Each structure stands twice: as structure tokens, then as C-alpha cells.
């Protein structure tokens, strides 16, 4: 499972990723870009934001990682080995 937030973060210190039970919470702060000139309407909100998602039961919580590249935060939550499909050998008796 891969989740990307729709907000650009400038530095890794601008946001946090927390896991409590099976609930993953991403928090951060949208900072308004400096604009020159005149504009009519702001299309994006600014300020602190939380984003929460409940993870499936088959996620390996010990191997979740978060990376920040070009302002995009990507959180990867791999499936546990027990949840991955596997072939069962047939034995003859």
C-alpha cells in the first residue's frame, strides 16, 4: 500500500507520520507561497492539516517507511509475509 499526500512539504520537519494500532496519521503544515501581483481567489487552504487512514490488517507495521522527495511525502506500508500468496505443495500418501 502506498499513500501520497496531496500537499507539498518543504522539509522533513514540516510533517509527522504516526502509527497507533492500525491507524496511520500524517500531519503537516501547508505554507502559503509568496505571490506578487493581484489575484481573486485562493484555491488551496493553508495551515496545519491531519490526514488519517486505517491500514488493512495484513500490513507489516515494522516495515512502514516514509520518504520526502521534491516536496511529496510518500508512505509505503508493505504486506506482511504471512499475507502474501504462496503455493502449497501437494503431498501424496
Protein backbone atom coordinates (compact mmCIF):
# COMPACT_ATOMS: atom_id res chain seq x y z
CA UNK A 1 0.00 0.00 0.00
CA UNK A 2 1.39 3.40 -0.98
CA UNK A 3 -0.11 6.69 0.14
CA UNK A 4 0.94 10.11 -1.11
CA UNK A 5 -0.32 13.29 0.46
CA UNK A 6 -1.68 15.98 -1.81
CA UNK A 7 0.40 18.62 -0.11
CA UNK A 8 3.94 19.68 -0.68
CA UNK A 9 6.19 19.77 2.35
CA UNK A 10 9.32 21.85 2.17
CA UNK A 11 11.38 19.97 4.77
CA UNK A 12 11.01 16.67 6.56
CA UNK A 13 10.49 18.62 9.80
CA UNK A 14 7.30 20.17 8.35
CA UNK A 15 5.31 16.95 8.93
CA UNK A 16 5.00 13.81 11.02
CA UNK A 17 3.80 10.26 10.41
CA UNK A 18 2.42 8.30 13.38
CA UNK A 19 1.05 4.77 13.65
CA UNK A 20 -1.30 3.92 16.53
CA UNK A 21 -2.75 0.46 16.25
CA UNK A 22 -3.84 0.22 12.62
CA UNK A 23 -4.44 3.95 12.16
CA UNK A 24 -1.79 5.90 10.26
CA UNK A 25 -1.87 9.67 10.80
CA UNK A 26 0.06 12.18 8.73
CA UNK A 27 0.22 15.77 9.92
CA UNK A 28 1.90 18.75 8.41
CA UNK A 29 1.57 22.39 7.57
CA UNK A 30 0.66 23.93 4.25
CA UNK A 31 2.58 27.15 3.84
CA UNK A 32 1.24 29.81 1.55
CA UNK A 33 3.54 30.59 -1.32
CA UNK A 34 4.54 34.18 -1.70
CA UNK A 35 2.65 35.71 -4.61
CA UNK A 36 3.17 39.04 -6.19
CA UNK A 37 0.50 40.91 -8.03
CA UNK A 38 -3.24 40.73 -7.74
CA UNK A 39 -5.38 37.59 -7.50
CA UNK A 40 -9.08 37.00 -6.96
CA UNK A 41 -9.38 33.66 -5.24
CA UNK A 42 -7.13 31.36 -3.23
CA UNK A 43 -7.63 27.77 -4.39
CA UNK A 44 -5.68 25.96 -1.66
CA UNK A 45 -6.06 26.10 2.08
CA UNK A 46 -3.11 26.91 4.27
CA UNK A 47 -2.24 25.95 7.84
CA UNK A 48 -1.93 22.68 9.74
CA UNK A 49 -3.60 19.56 8.39
CA UNK A 50 -4.15 16.00 9.61
CA UNK A 51 -4.71 13.02 7.32
CA UNK A 52 -5.78 9.68 8.76
CA UNK A 53 -6.14 6.30 7.12
CA UNK A 54 -6.92 2.91 8.64
CA UNK A 55 -4.45 0.30 7.42
CA UNK A 56 -5.51 -3.21 6.42
CA UNK A 57 -4.80 -5.95 8.96
CA UNK A 58 -2.21 -7.60 6.69
CA UNK A 59 0.26 -4.66 6.73
CA UNK A 60 3.71 -5.26 8.22
CA UNK A 61 3.85 -2.35 10.71
CA UNK A 62 7.57 -2.89 11.41
CA UNK A 63 8.50 -2.11 7.80
CA UNK A 64 6.43 1.02 7.10
CA UNK A 65 8.60 3.84 5.77
CA UNK A 66 8.07 7.45 4.76
CA UNK A 67 10.15 9.42 2.26
CA UNK A 68 10.08 13.04 1.19
CA UNK A 69 11.22 13.79 -2.37
CA UNK A 70 10.59 17.01 -4.28
CA UNK A 71 8.08 18.11 -1.64
CA UNK A 72 5.94 14.95 -1.93
CA UNK A 73 5.59 12.73 1.14
CA UNK A 74 5.24 9.03 0.24
CA UNK A 75 4.36 6.44 2.88
CA UNK A 76 4.83 2.78 1.98
CA UNK A 77 3.23 0.02 4.04
CA UNK A 78 4.19 -3.44 2.73
CA UNK A 79 2.11 -6.55 3.25
CA UNK A 80 3.34 -8.96 5.89
CA UNK A 81 4.99 -12.15 4.66
CA UNK A 82 2.15 -14.23 6.11
CA UNK A 83 -0.40 -12.31 3.98
CA UNK A 84 1.44 -12.76 0.67
CA UNK A 85 0.16 -15.50 -1.61
CA UNK A 86 2.14 -18.72 -1.57
CA UNK A 87 1.92 -22.09 -3.23
CA UNK A 88 1.26 -25.11 -1.06
CA UNK A 89 2.94 -28.33 -2.12
CA UNK A 90 0.68 -31.35 -2.53
CA UNK A 91 1.92 -34.48 -0.86
CA UNK A 92 0.91 -37.97 -1.87
CA UNK A 93 0.16 -40.61 0.71
